[in-house]
């Protein structure tokens, strides 16, 4: 995904900026101790692969605090077949000791604003059936169920495409 400008978002002294390939190990730590990591990435090198692919395509974004520490990560895809061609957040993680402080919501707001700014009227995300906490957050932020389908990453689970009207 390309932007005409370097996209940044300031709120609560958090800056959203492009992820850097040289910081992959730092970004991987954000996923530790969360259901997504435990269910999908703990026993594989799939997280390395997904982060490297996203960053190489310019689709990786990080939330950085005023001290320069990375506190959140999101992969933002401008059009995805899983989302019926809508933009999609594919990965979303917040540093374990920073969870519950609105950083994930800031990354979602950034995503929604960028997608609205380039002309989309809807955006999506996928949440798995084993992650009811995330589902509750997304529901509270206005995301609605569009469809459900079998998990394509590791199998054995149901994924839910949630969509929100933006712009």
Foldseek 3Di string as FASTA:
>chain_A
DDDPDFDWDDDPQKIKGFDDPVCLVLQVQQPPPDPCCVVFPVPHCVSVVVVVVQNVVRQKMFIAHNVRRTFKIWGWACADVVQVGHIETEDIGGRPVCPPVCPSVVVVVSNQVVNVVVPDFKHKYKDWPVCVVVVVVCVVVAWAFDDKDFDPRPTPTIMTITMHTGD
